[in-house]
Amino acid sequence: MLDGGSVHDSVASKLAQNGVYQNQRERLSPALSFAMRNLQEEGVLRYWCPDDQRTFHLMSWDEKVAFLTREGGVN
């Protein structure tokens, strides 16, 4: 899991039991999804997922993420 910690895991597991949030292990939290999108728009990082990629995470709006790299000479 890339983010969220134990509280995120607990809430996602509860939602999955109720059929609301089936794939919580592959889905990034809304906070991380928002941060990644903003950082990509600012040119700080880039994320992508090839069409034939079998392993990936989903962002909160079902956008696929398989690879992540820093951009723009950020140290």
PDB file of N, CA and C in Angstrom:
ATOM      1  N   MET A   1       0.856  -1.181   0.000  1.00  0.00           N
ATOM      2  CA  MET A   1       0.000   0.000   0.000  1.00  0.00           C
ATOM      3  C   MET A   1       0.899   1.240   0.000  1.00  0.00           C
ATOM      4  N   LEU A   2       0.609   2.173  -0.829  1.00  0.00           N
ATOM      5  CA  LEU A   2       1.468   3.346  -0.949  1.00  0.00           C
ATOM      6  C   LEU A   2       1.146   4.454   0.031  1.00  0.00           C
ATOM      7  N   ASP A   3      -0.043   4.447   0.606  1.00  0.00           N
ATOM      8  CA  ASP A   3      -0.390   5.543   1.507  1.00  0.00           C
ATOM      9  C   ASP A   3      -1.540   5.151   2.411  1.00  0.00           C
ATOM     10  N   GLY A   4      -1.863   6.029   3.344  1.00  0.00           N
ATOM     11  CA  GLY A   4      -3.066   5.869   4.151  1.00  0.00           C
ATOM     12  C   GLY A   4      -2.853   5.248   5.510  1.00  0.00           C
ATOM     13  N   GLY A   5      -1.929   4.346   5.651  1.00  0.00           N
ATOM     14  CA  GLY A   5      -1.663   3.733   6.929  1.00  0.00           C
ATOM     15  C   GLY A   5      -2.789   2.847   7.437  1.00  0.00           C
ATOM     16  N   SER A   6      -2.741   2.565   8.729  1.00  0.00           N
ATOM     17  CA  SER A   6      -3.673   1.612   9.331  1.00  0.00           C
ATOM     18  C   SER A   6      -5.112   2.105   9.333  1.00  0.00           C
ATOM     19  N   VAL A   7      -5.325   3.407   9.500  1.00  0.00           N
ATOM     20  CA  VAL A   7      -6.698   3.933   9.497  1.00  0.00           C
ATOM     21  C   VAL A   7      -7.326   3.753   8.116  1.00  0.00           C
ATOM     22  N   HIS A   8      -6.584   4.082   7.066  1.00  0.00           N
ATOM     23  CA  HIS A   8      -7.079   3.900   5.698  1.00  0.00           C
ATOM     24  C   HIS A   8      -7.398   2.433   5.444  1.00  0.00           C
ATOM     25  N   ASP A   9      -6.509   1.527   5.873  1.00  0.00           N
ATOM     26  CA  ASP A   9      -6.742   0.092   5.694  1.00  0.00           C
ATOM     27  C   ASP A   9      -8.003  -0.359   6.415  1.00  0.00           C
ATOM     28  N   SER A  10      -8.183   0.109   7.621  1.00  0.00           N
ATOM     29  CA  SER A  10      -9.344  -0.284   8.427  1.00  0.00           C
ATOM     30  C   SER A  10     -10.654   0.173   7.792  1.00  0.00           C
ATOM     31  N   VAL A  11     -10.704   1.435   7.390  1.00  0.00           N
ATOM     32  CA  VAL A  11     -11.922   1.976   6.772  1.00  0.00           C
ATOM     33  C   VAL A  11     -12.181   1.285   5.432  1.00  0.00           C
ATOM     34  N   ALA A  12     -11.152   1.101   4.620  1.00  0.00           N
ATOM     35  CA  ALA A  12     -11.319   0.459   3.322  1.00  0.00           C
ATOM     36  C   ALA A  12     -11.783  -0.986   3.472  1.00  0.00           C
ATOM     37  N   SER A  13     -11.255  -1.695   4.457  1.00  0.00           N
ATOM     38  CA  SER A  13     -11.682  -3.074   4.694  1.00  0.00           C
ATOM     39  C   SER A  13     -13.149  -3.130   5.088  1.00  0.00           C
ATOM     40  N   LYS A  14     -13.568  -2.213   5.922  1.00  0.00           N
ATOM     41  CA  LYS A  14     -14.976  -2.154   6.330  1.00  0.00           C
ATOM     42  C   LYS A  14     -15.878  -1.874   5.128  1.00  0.00           C
ATOM     43  N   LEU A  15     -15.488  -0.932   4.295  1.00  0.00           N
ATOM     44  CA  LEU A  15     -16.265  -0.618   3.097  1.00  0.00           C
ATOM     45  C   LEU A  15     -16.298  -1.810   2.136  1.00  0.00           C
ATOM     46  N   ALA A  16     -15.193  -2.530   2.030  1.00  0.00           N
ATOM     47  CA  ALA A  16     -15.144  -3.689   1.141  1.00  0.00           C
ATOM     48  C   ALA A  16     -16.100  -4.779   1.620  1.00  0.00           C
ATOM     49  N   GLN A  17     -16.234  -4.932   2.932  1.00  0.00           N
ATOM     50  CA  GLN A  17     -17.164  -5.921   3.482  1.00  0.00           C
ATOM     51  C   GLN A  17     -18.598  -5.610   3.072  1.00  0.00           C
ATOM     52  N   ASN A  18     -18.895  -4.338   2.932  1.00  0.00           N
ATOM     53  CA  ASN A  18     -20.235  -3.905   2.549  1.00  0.00           C
ATOM     54  C   ASN A  18     -20.403  -3.793   1.036  1.00  0.00           C
ATOM     55  N   GLY A  19     -19.371  -4.169   0.274  1.00  0.00           N
ATOM     56  CA  GLY A  19     -19.457  -4.147  -1.172  1.00  0.00           C
ATOM     57  C   GLY A  19     -19.286  -2.777  -1.796  1.00  0.00           C
ATOM     58  N   VAL A  20     -18.854  -1.796  -1.012  1.00  0.00           N
ATOM     59  CA  VAL A  20     -18.733  -0.425  -1.511  1.00  0.00           C
ATOM     60  C   VAL A  20     -17.380  -0.197  -2.172  1.00  0.00           C
ATOM     61  N   TYR A  21     -16.334  -0.772  -1.654  1.00  0.00           N
ATOM     62  CA  TYR A  21     -14.968  -0.445  -2.032  1.00  0.00           C
ATOM     63  C   TYR A  21     -14.209  -1.751  -2.234  1.00  0.00           C
ATOM     64  N   GLN A  22     -14.420  -2.414  -3.345  1.00  0.00           N
ATOM     65  CA  GLN A  22     -13.944  -3.773  -3.556  1.00  0.00           C
ATOM     66  C   GLN A  22     -12.424  -3.924  -3.594  1.00  0.00           C
ATOM     67  N   ASN A  23     -11.735  -3.063  -4.279  1.00  0.00           N
ATOM     68  CA  ASN A  23     -10.295  -3.258  -4.506  1.00  0.00           C
ATOM     69  C   ASN A  23      -9.458  -2.237  -3.745  1.00  0.00           C
ATOM     70  N   GLN A  24      -9.651  -2.154  -2.429  1.00  0.00           N
ATOM     71  CA  GLN A  24      -8.978  -1.114  -1.661  1.00  0.00           C
ATOM     72  C   GLN A  24      -7.465  -1.244  -1.668  1.00  0.00           C
ATOM     73  N   ARG A  25      -6.921  -2.440  -1.853  1.00  0.00           N
ATOM     74  CA  ARG A  25      -5.467  -2.602  -1.863  1.00  0.00           C
ATOM     75  C   ARG A  25      -4.834  -1.991  -3.102  1.00  0.00           C
ATOM     76  N   GLU A  26      -5.568  -1.911  -4.204  1.00  0.00           N
ATOM     77  CA  GLU A  26      -5.024  -1.368  -5.441  1.00  0.00           C
ATOM     78  C   GLU A  26      -5.383   0.101  -5.645  1.00  0.00           C
ATOM     79  N   ARG A  27      -6.193   0.671  -4.774  1.00  0.00           N
ATOM     80  CA  ARG A  27      -6.673   2.042  -4.964  1.00  0.00           C
ATOM     81  C   ARG A  27      -5.933   2.998  -4.023  1.00  0.00           C
ATOM     82  N   LEU A  28      -5.453   4.106  -4.594  1.00  0.00           N
ATOM     83  CA  LEU A  28      -4.787   5.133  -3.799  1.00  0.00           C
ATOM     84  C   LEU A  28      -5.841   5.985  -3.106  1.00  0.00           C
ATOM     85  N   SER A  29      -5.491   6.528  -1.971  1.00  0.00           N
ATOM     86  CA  SER A  29      -6.441   7.364  -1.241  1.00  0.00           C
ATOM     87  C   SER A  29      -6.738   8.638  -2.031  1.00  0.00           C
ATOM     88  N   PRO A  30      -7.880   9.258  -1.767  1.00  0.00           N
ATOM     89  CA  PRO A  30      -8.199  10.519  -2.434  1.00  0.00           C
ATOM     90  C   PRO A  30      -7.138  11.592  -2.188  1.00  0.00           C
ATOM     91  N   ALA A  31      -6.563  11.632  -0.996  1.00  0.00           N
ATOM     92  CA  ALA A  31      -5.541  12.644  -0.687  1.00  0.00           C
ATOM     93  C   ALA A  31      -4.295  12.449  -1.543  1.00  0.00           C
ATOM     94  N   LEU A  32      -3.817  11.201  -1.640  1.00  0.00           N
ATOM     95  CA  LEU A  32      -2.628  10.949  -2.465  1.00  0.00           C
ATOM     96  C   LEU A  32      -2.930  11.172  -3.939  1.00  0.00           C
ATOM     97  N   SER A  33      -4.108  10.757  -4.385  1.00  0.00           N
ATOM     98  CA  SER A  33      -4.502  10.976  -5.779  1.00  0.00           C
ATOM     99  C   SER A  33      -4.500  12.462  -6.122  1.00  0.00           C
ATOM    100  N   PHE A  34      -5.068  13.270  -5.247  1.00  0.00           N
ATOM    101  CA  PHE A  34      -5.122  14.718  -5.454  1.00  0.00           C
ATOM    102  C   PHE A  34      -3.716  15.308  -5.479  1.00  0.00           C
ATOM    103  N   ALA A  35      -2.870  14.883  -4.542  1.00  0.00           N
ATOM    104  CA  ALA A  35      -1.500  15.403  -4.474  1.00  0.00           C
ATOM    105  C   ALA A  35      -0.709  15.021  -5.722  1.00  0.00           C
ATOM    106  N   MET A  36      -0.845  13.775  -6.159  1.00  0.00           N
ATOM    107  CA  MET A  36      -0.116  13.345  -7.354  1.00  0.00           C
ATOM    108  C   MET A  36      -0.561  14.113  -8.587  1.00  0.00           C
ATOM    109  N   ARG A  37      -1.853  14.311  -8.735  1.00  0.00           N
ATOM    110  CA  ARG A  37      -2.351  15.062  -9.893  1.00  0.00           C
ATOM    111  C   ARG A  37      -1.812  16.495  -9.868  1.00  0.00           C
ATOM    112  N   ASN A  38      -1.840  17.140  -8.707  1.00  0.00           N
ATOM    113  CA  ASN A  38      -1.325  18.514  -8.600  1.00  0.00           C
ATOM    114  C   ASN A  38       0.169  18.573  -8.876  1.00  0.00           C
ATOM    115  N   LEU A  39       0.932  17.619  -8.354  1.00  0.00           N
ATOM    116  CA  LEU A  39       2.373  17.607  -8.598  1.00  0.00           C
ATOM    117  C   LEU A  39       2.692  17.357 -10.067  1.00  0.00           C
ATOM    118  N   GLN A  40       1.891  16.538 -10.733  1.00  0.00           N
ATOM    119  CA  GLN A  40       2.097  16.329 -12.171  1.00  0.00           C
ATOM    120  C   GLN A  40       1.789  17.601 -12.952  1.00  0.00           C
ATOM    121  N   GLU A  41       0.717  18.295 -12.584  1.00  0.00           N
ATOM    122  CA  GLU A  41       0.372  19.555 -13.260  1.00  0.00           C
ATOM    123  C   GLU A  41       1.446  20.616 -13.050  1.00  0.00           C
ATOM    124  N   GLU A  42       2.129  20.566 -11.902  1.00  0.00           N
ATOM    125  CA  GLU A  42       3.213  21.511 -11.606  1.00  0.00           C
ATOM    126  C   GLU A  42       4.540  21.094 -12.243  1.00  0.00           C
ATOM    127  N   GLY A  43       4.590  19.916 -12.842  1.00  0.00           N
ATOM    128  CA  GLY A  43       5.806  19.448 -13.484  1.00  0.00           C
ATOM    129  C   GLY A  43       6.817  18.841 -12.532  1.00  0.00           C
ATOM    130  N   VAL A  44       6.409  18.492 -11.324  1.00  0.00           N
ATOM    131  CA  VAL A  44       7.314  17.933 -10.326  1.00  0.00           C
ATOM    132  C   VAL A  44       7.452  16.421 -10.501  1.00  0.00           C
ATOM    133  N   LEU A  45       6.391  15.755 -10.892  1.00  0.00           N
ATOM    134  CA  LEU A  45       6.450  14.330 -11.131  1.00  0.00           C
ATOM    135  C   LEU A  45       5.586  13.972 -12.331  1.00  0.00           C
ATOM    136  N   ARG A  46       5.783  12.741 -12.789  1.00  0.00           N
ATOM    137  CA  ARG A  46       4.972  12.231 -13.896  1.00  0.00           C
ATOM    138  C   ARG A  46       4.589  10.804 -13.569  1.00  0.00           C
ATOM    139  N   TYR A  47       3.335  10.469 -13.779  1.00  0.00           N
ATOM    140  CA  TYR A  47       2.875   9.095 -13.608  1.00  0.00           C
ATOM    141  C   TYR A  47       2.153   8.666 -14.879  1.00  0.00           C
ATOM    142  N   TRP A  48       2.163   7.358 -15.138  1.00  0.00           N
ATOM    143  CA  TRP A  48       1.509   6.849 -16.335  1.00  0.00           C
ATOM    144  C   TRP A  48       1.264   5.353 -16.180  1.00  0.00           C
ATOM    145  N   CYS A  49       0.472   4.821 -17.101  1.00  0.00           N
ATOM    146  CA  CYS A  49       0.191   3.391 -17.142  1.00  0.00           C
ATOM    147  C   CYS A  49      -0.023   2.982 -18.602  1.00  0.00           C
ATOM    148  N   PRO A  50       0.860   2.135 -19.141  1.00  0.00           N
ATOM    149  CA  PRO A  50       0.653   1.654 -20.505  1.00  0.00           C
ATOM    150  C   PRO A  50      -0.663   0.881 -20.619  1.00  0.00           C
ATOM    151  N   ASP A  51      -1.224   0.874 -21.803  1.00  0.00           N
ATOM    152  CA  ASP A  51      -2.508   0.197 -22.020  1.00  0.00           C
ATOM    153  C   ASP A  51      -2.464  -1.289 -21.678  1.00  0.00           C
ATOM    154  N   ASP A  52      -1.324  -1.936 -21.904  1.00  0.00           N
ATOM    155  CA  ASP A  52      -1.233  -3.378 -21.665  1.00  0.00           C
ATOM    156  C   ASP A  52      -0.660  -3.736 -20.292  1.00  0.00           C
ATOM    157  N   GLN A  53      -0.521  -2.770 -19.406  1.00  0.00           N
ATOM    158  CA  GLN A  53       0.030  -2.999 -18.072  1.00  0.00           C
ATOM    159  C   GLN A  53      -0.927  -3.849 -17.244  1.00  0.00           C
ATOM    160  N   ARG A  54      -0.408  -4.901 -16.612  1.00  0.00           N
ATOM    161  CA  ARG A  54      -1.253  -5.792 -15.820  1.00  0.00           C
ATOM    162  C   ARG A  54      -1.272  -5.444 -14.343  1.00  0.00           C
ATOM    163  N   THR A  55      -0.223  -4.807 -13.853  1.00  0.00           N
ATOM    164  CA  THR A  55      -0.133  -4.442 -12.444  1.00  0.00           C
ATOM    165  C   THR A  55      -0.168  -2.926 -12.333  1.00  0.00           C
ATOM    166  N   PHE A  56      -1.131  -2.409 -11.586  1.00  0.00           N
ATOM    167  CA  PHE A  56      -1.265  -0.965 -11.446  1.00  0.00           C
ATOM    168  C   PHE A  56      -2.102  -0.645 -10.215  1.00  0.00           C
ATOM    169  N   HIS A  57      -2.090   0.621  -9.834  1.00  0.00           N
ATOM    170  CA  HIS A  57      -2.960   1.142  -8.780  1.00  0.00           C
ATOM    171  C   HIS A  57      -3.983   2.053  -9.435  1.00  0.00           C
ATOM    172  N   LEU A  58      -5.116   2.207  -8.802  1.00  0.00           N
ATOM    173  CA  LEU A  58      -6.135   3.135  -9.279  1.00  0.00           C
ATOM    174  C   LEU A  58      -6.135   4.377  -8.408  1.00  0.00           C
ATOM    175  N   MET A  59      -6.236   5.527  -9.055  1.00  0.00           N
ATOM    176  CA  MET A  59      -6.405   6.770  -8.313  1.00  0.00           C
ATOM    177  C   MET A  59      -7.880   6.894  -7.959  1.00  0.00           C
ATOM    178  N   SER A  60      -8.241   7.891  -7.195  1.00  0.00           N
ATOM    179  CA  SER A  60      -9.612   8.004  -6.703  1.00  0.00           C
ATOM    180  C   SER A  60     -10.626   8.188  -7.820  1.00  0.00           C
ATOM    181  N   TRP A  61     -10.218   8.615  -9.005  1.00  0.00           N
ATOM    182  CA  TRP A  61     -11.154   8.776 -10.122  1.00  0.00           C
ATOM    183  C   TRP A  61     -10.909   7.704 -11.190  1.00  0.00           C
ATOM    184  N   ASP A  62     -10.401   6.534 -10.779  1.00  0.00           N
ATOM    185  CA  ASP A  62     -10.170   5.365 -11.625  1.00  0.00           C
ATOM    186  C   ASP A  62      -9.113   5.551 -12.702  1.00  0.00           C
ATOM    187  N   GLU A  63      -8.254   6.527 -12.555  1.00  0.00           N
ATOM    188  CA  GLU A  63      -7.104   6.673 -13.447  1.00  0.00           C
ATOM    189  C   GLU A  63      -6.042   5.669 -13.003  1.00  0.00           C
ATOM    190  N   LYS A  64      -5.446   4.936 -13.942  1.00  0.00           N
ATOM    191  CA  LYS A  64      -4.458   3.909 -13.640  1.00  0.00           C
ATOM    192  C   LYS A  64      -3.067   4.515 -13.490  1.00  0.00           C
ATOM    193  N   VAL A  65      -2.306   4.002 -12.508  1.00  0.00           N
ATOM    194  CA  VAL A  65      -0.931   4.426 -12.273  1.00  0.00           C
ATOM    195  C   VAL A  65      -0.073   3.178 -12.110  1.00  0.00           C
ATOM    196  N   ALA A  66       0.921   3.034 -12.982  1.00  0.00           N
ATOM    197  CA  ALA A  66       1.847   1.912 -12.869  1.00  0.00           C
ATOM    198  C   ALA A  66       3.280   2.389 -12.632  1.00  0.00           C
ATOM    199  N   PHE A  67       3.613   3.558 -13.159  1.00  0.00           N
ATOM    200  CA  PHE A  67       4.970   4.086 -13.056  1.00  0.00           C
ATOM    201  C   PHE A  67       4.929   5.537 -12.597  1.00  0.00           C
ATOM    202  N   LEU A  68       5.956   5.906 -11.854  1.00  0.00           N
ATOM    203  CA  LEU A  68       6.059   7.256 -11.293  1.00  0.00           C
ATOM    204  C   LEU A  68       7.509   7.691 -11.357  1.00  0.00           C
ATOM    205  N   THR A  69       7.746   8.927 -11.805  1.00  0.00           N
ATOM    206  CA  THR A  69       9.106   9.446 -11.860  1.00  0.00           C
ATOM    207  C   THR A  69       9.112  10.921 -11.486  1.00  0.00           C
ATOM    208  N   ARG A  70      10.216  11.371 -10.916  1.00  0.00           N
ATOM    209  CA  ARG A  70      10.370  12.805 -10.634  1.00  0.00           C
ATOM    210  C   ARG A  70      10.756  13.525 -11.908  1.00  0.00           C
ATOM    211  N   GLU A  71      10.308  14.741 -12.046  1.00  0.00           N
ATOM    212  CA  GLU A  71      10.561  15.546 -13.244  1.00  0.00           C
ATOM    213  C   GLU A  71      11.205  16.874 -12.847  1.00  0.00           C
ATOM    214  N   GLY A  72      11.694  17.594 -13.827  1.00  0.00           N
ATOM    215  CA  GLY A  72      12.137  18.964 -13.645  1.00  0.00           C
ATOM    216  C   GLY A  72      13.338  19.172 -12.762  1.00  0.00           C
ATOM    217  N   GLY A  73      14.188  18.177 -12.620  1.00  0.00           N
ATOM    218  CA  GLY A  73      15.412  18.338 -11.842  1.00  0.00           C
ATOM    219  C   GLY A  73      15.180  18.481 -10.343  1.00  0.00           C
ATOM    220  N   VAL A  74      14.112  17.938  -9.827  1.00  0.00           N
ATOM    221  CA  VAL A  74      13.847  17.997  -8.391  1.00  0.00           C
ATOM    222  C   VAL A  74      14.803  17.062  -7.681  1.00  0.00           C
ATOM    223  N   ASN A  75      15.399  17.534  -6.592  1.00  0.00           N
ATOM    224  CA  ASN A  75      16.347  16.704  -5.811  1.00  0.00           C
ATOM    225  C   ASN A  75      15.697  16.163  -4.591  1.00  0.00           C
TER     226      ASN A  75
END
